[in-house]
N, C-alpha and C. Protein backbone atom coordinates (compact mmCIF):
# COMPACT_ATOMS: atom_id res chain seq x y z
N UNK A 1 21.15 -6.39 -3.58
CA UNK A 1 20.13 -6.76 -2.85
C UNK A 1 19.18 -7.72 -3.59
N UNK A 2 18.81 -8.84 -3.19
CA UNK A 2 17.79 -9.64 -4.08
C UNK A 2 16.28 -9.28 -3.46
N UNK A 3 15.45 -9.28 -4.33
CA UNK A 3 13.89 -9.12 -3.69
C UNK A 3 12.99 -10.09 -4.32
N UNK A 4 12.16 -10.57 -3.72
CA UNK A 4 11.06 -11.50 -3.98
C UNK A 4 9.58 -10.68 -3.84
N UNK A 5 9.12 -10.86 -4.94
CA UNK A 5 7.73 -10.06 -5.09
C UNK A 5 6.71 -10.75 -4.10
N UNK A 6 6.08 -10.35 -3.28
CA UNK A 6 5.03 -11.15 -2.28
C UNK A 6 3.73 -10.87 -2.79
N UNK A 7 3.29 -9.52 -2.95
CA UNK A 7 1.99 -9.20 -3.29
C UNK A 7 2.06 -7.90 -4.16
N UNK A 8 1.16 -7.68 -4.94
CA UNK A 8 0.83 -6.34 -5.52
C UNK A 8 0.73 -6.38 -7.06
N UNK A 9 0.78 -5.33 -7.74
CA UNK A 9 0.55 -5.00 -9.09
C UNK A 9 -0.80 -5.61 -9.60
N UNK A 10 -1.20 -5.14 -10.71
CA UNK A 10 -2.37 -5.26 -11.25
C UNK A 10 -3.68 -4.76 -10.71
N UNK A 11 -4.71 -5.11 -11.34
CA UNK A 11 -6.11 -4.43 -10.87
C UNK A 11 -6.43 -4.56 -9.52
N UNK A 12 -6.11 -5.60 -8.96
CA UNK A 12 -6.58 -5.79 -7.44
C UNK A 12 -6.10 -5.08 -6.47
N UNK A 13 -5.16 -4.13 -6.75
CA UNK A 13 -4.61 -3.34 -5.61
C UNK A 13 -4.47 -1.92 -5.97
N UNK A 14 -5.18 -1.82 -7.17
CA UNK A 14 -5.24 -0.24 -7.40
C UNK A 14 -4.34 0.33 -8.64
N UNK A 15 -3.61 -0.53 -9.29
CA UNK A 15 -2.58 -0.17 -10.42
C UNK A 15 -3.00 -0.99 -11.47
N UNK A 16 -3.28 -0.48 -12.62
CA UNK A 16 -3.99 -1.24 -13.69
C UNK A 16 -2.78 -1.19 -14.85
N UNK A 17 -2.46 -2.43 -15.25
CA UNK A 17 -1.45 -2.40 -16.17
C UNK A 17 0.03 -2.23 -15.88
N UNK A 18 0.41 -2.03 -14.55
CA UNK A 18 1.58 -1.75 -14.11
C UNK A 18 2.09 -2.63 -12.82
N UNK A 19 2.99 -2.20 -12.30
CA UNK A 19 3.55 -2.92 -11.09
C UNK A 19 3.36 -2.53 -9.74
N UNK A 20 2.56 -1.43 -9.65
CA UNK A 20 2.34 -0.73 -8.44
C UNK A 20 0.89 -1.06 -7.90
N UNK A 21 0.70 -0.99 -6.63
CA UNK A 21 1.72 -1.01 -5.61
C UNK A 21 2.00 -2.56 -5.34
N UNK A 22 3.22 -2.62 -4.96
CA UNK A 22 3.82 -3.88 -4.67
C UNK A 22 4.62 -4.04 -3.36
N UNK A 23 4.61 -5.05 -2.57
CA UNK A 23 5.59 -5.25 -1.47
C UNK A 23 6.42 -6.45 -1.92
N UNK A 24 7.61 -6.25 -1.76
CA UNK A 24 8.84 -7.15 -1.92
C UNK A 24 9.40 -7.60 -0.42
N UNK A 25 9.89 -8.81 -0.46
CA UNK A 25 10.81 -9.26 0.58
C UNK A 25 12.11 -9.28 0.24
N UNK A 26 13.17 -8.77 1.07
CA UNK A 26 14.52 -8.64 0.55
C UNK A 26 15.26 -9.89 1.17
N UNK A 27 16.58 -10.01 0.76
CA UNK A 27 17.33 -11.13 1.36
C UNK A 27 18.05 -10.47 2.58
N UNK A 28 17.76 -9.24 2.85
CA UNK A 28 18.33 -8.68 4.07
C UNK A 28 17.45 -8.72 5.22
N UNK A 29 16.33 -9.45 5.09
CA UNK A 29 15.30 -9.52 6.17
C UNK A 29 14.24 -8.18 6.29
N UNK A 30 14.25 -7.38 5.24
CA UNK A 30 13.54 -6.32 5.12
C UNK A 30 12.44 -6.51 4.08
N UNK A 31 11.44 -5.46 4.01
CA UNK A 31 10.53 -5.41 3.06
C UNK A 31 10.62 -4.04 2.30
N UNK A 32 10.36 -4.06 0.90
CA UNK A 32 10.39 -2.86 0.10
C UNK A 32 9.18 -2.58 -0.37
N UNK A 33 8.52 -1.33 -0.16
CA UNK A 33 7.26 -0.98 -0.46
C UNK A 33 7.31 -0.23 -1.74
N UNK A 34 6.56 -0.45 -2.86
CA UNK A 34 6.41 0.44 -4.03
C UNK A 34 4.93 1.20 -4.03
N UNK A 35 4.83 2.34 -4.11
CA UNK A 35 3.55 2.98 -4.03
C UNK A 35 3.63 4.38 -4.52
N UNK A 36 2.52 5.20 -4.37
CA UNK A 36 2.38 6.50 -4.86
C UNK A 36 3.18 7.35 -3.98
N UNK A 37 3.95 8.35 -4.41
CA UNK A 37 4.58 9.07 -3.42
C UNK A 37 3.57 10.28 -2.86
N UNK A 38 3.78 10.65 -1.58
CA UNK A 38 3.21 11.69 -0.86
C UNK A 38 3.99 12.97 -0.94
N UNK A 39 3.05 13.90 -1.76
CA UNK A 39 3.58 15.21 -1.68
C UNK A 39 3.86 15.94 -0.27
N UNK A 40 4.93 16.57 -0.30
CA UNK A 40 5.42 17.31 0.98
C UNK A 40 4.41 18.09 1.48
N UNK A 41 3.55 18.75 0.72
CA UNK A 41 2.58 19.65 1.20
C UNK A 41 1.32 18.78 1.74
N UNK A 42 1.45 17.52 1.65
CA UNK A 42 0.42 16.54 2.28
C UNK A 42 0.73 16.15 3.74
N UNK A 43 2.13 16.34 3.89
CA UNK A 43 2.74 15.63 5.34
C UNK A 43 3.26 16.79 6.07
N UNK A 44 2.77 17.90 6.51
CA UNK A 44 3.31 18.98 7.23
C UNK A 44 3.91 18.40 8.50
N UNK A 45 3.42 17.52 9.19
CA UNK A 45 3.67 17.07 10.37
C UNK A 45 4.77 16.10 10.49
N UNK A 46 5.23 15.43 9.29
CA UNK A 46 6.32 14.53 9.13
C UNK A 46 7.68 15.22 8.84
N UNK A 47 8.60 14.75 9.46
CA UNK A 47 10.08 15.33 9.13
C UNK A 47 10.72 13.99 8.70
N UNK A 48 10.98 13.91 7.21
CA UNK A 48 11.61 12.92 6.48
C UNK A 48 12.99 13.34 6.01
N UNK A 49 13.91 12.64 6.35
CA UNK A 49 15.30 13.04 6.00
C UNK A 49 15.51 12.93 4.27
N UNK A 50 16.38 13.74 3.72
CA UNK A 50 16.36 13.57 2.42
C UNK A 50 16.84 12.16 1.80
N UNK A 51 17.27 11.32 2.55
CA UNK A 51 17.55 9.88 1.90
C UNK A 51 16.43 8.87 2.09
N UNK A 52 15.25 9.35 2.71
CA UNK A 52 14.03 8.63 2.82
C UNK A 52 12.88 9.00 2.19
N UNK A 53 12.00 8.35 1.86
CA UNK A 53 10.70 8.65 1.28
C UNK A 53 9.55 8.10 1.91
N UNK A 54 8.47 8.65 1.64
CA UNK A 54 6.94 8.09 2.20
C UNK A 54 6.15 7.74 0.95
N UNK A 55 5.56 6.64 1.03
CA UNK A 55 4.67 6.19 -0.13
C UNK A 55 3.41 5.80 0.46
N UNK A 56 2.31 5.91 -0.22
CA UNK A 56 1.05 5.45 0.14
C UNK A 56 0.60 4.16 -0.69
N UNK A 57 -0.05 3.16 0.12
CA UNK A 57 -0.46 1.94 -0.49
C UNK A 57 -1.96 1.63 0.16
N UNK A 58 -2.66 1.11 -0.76
CA UNK A 58 -4.06 0.76 -0.42
C UNK A 58 -4.05 -0.22 0.85
N UNK A 59 -5.12 -0.21 1.64
CA UNK A 59 -5.21 -1.06 2.68
C UNK A 59 -5.40 -2.58 2.27
N UNK A 60 -5.87 -2.74 1.00
CA UNK A 60 -6.02 -4.11 0.35
C UNK A 60 -4.59 -4.71 0.19
N UNK A 61 -3.71 -3.93 -0.30
CA UNK A 61 -2.34 -4.52 -0.33
C UNK A 61 -1.67 -5.10 0.88
N UNK A 62 -1.88 -4.30 2.07
CA UNK A 62 -1.50 -4.69 3.41
C UNK A 62 -2.11 -5.90 3.91
N UNK A 63 -3.50 -6.04 3.53
CA UNK A 63 -4.27 -7.07 3.87
C UNK A 63 -3.83 -8.42 3.09
N UNK A 64 -3.45 -8.20 1.81
CA UNK A 64 -3.05 -9.24 0.97
C UNK A 64 -1.69 -9.71 1.54
N UNK A 65 -0.59 -8.95 1.91
CA UNK A 65 0.67 -9.11 2.62
C UNK A 65 0.25 -10.07 3.74
N UNK A 66 -0.45 -9.56 4.74
CA UNK A 66 -0.74 -10.53 5.83
C UNK A 66 -1.30 -11.88 5.41
N UNK A 67 -2.31 -11.96 4.43
CA UNK A 67 -2.73 -13.21 4.18
C UNK A 67 -1.64 -13.89 3.57
N UNK A 68 -0.70 -13.55 2.73
CA UNK A 68 0.18 -14.30 2.19
C UNK A 68 1.33 -14.99 3.17
N UNK A 69 1.43 -14.00 4.21
CA UNK A 69 2.42 -14.46 5.22
C UNK A 69 1.92 -15.42 6.14
N UNK A 70 0.59 -15.34 6.23
CA UNK A 70 -0.18 -16.34 7.25
C UNK A 70 -0.41 -17.68 6.48
N UNK A 71 -0.23 -17.65 5.22
CA UNK A 71 -0.52 -19.13 4.54
C UNK A 71 0.80 -19.77 4.17
N UNK A 72 1.94 -19.20 4.64
CA UNK A 72 3.06 -19.77 4.38
C UNK A 72 3.42 -20.85 5.13
């Protein structure tokens, strides 16, 4: 799978000196989101299969994605 970094990383989205959080666009017509894992103890109402994961990203990252897609 090929991925293109759309937005994220660096101090503007909550990660300093790293690549998180980030949203990538894939060549499969999907998005890949990198963020902090949510501990199972914090999501008791969610049933997540073992092959899936839940991550948390700041609102500013989602807003940056909308802005980037709108300006394309």
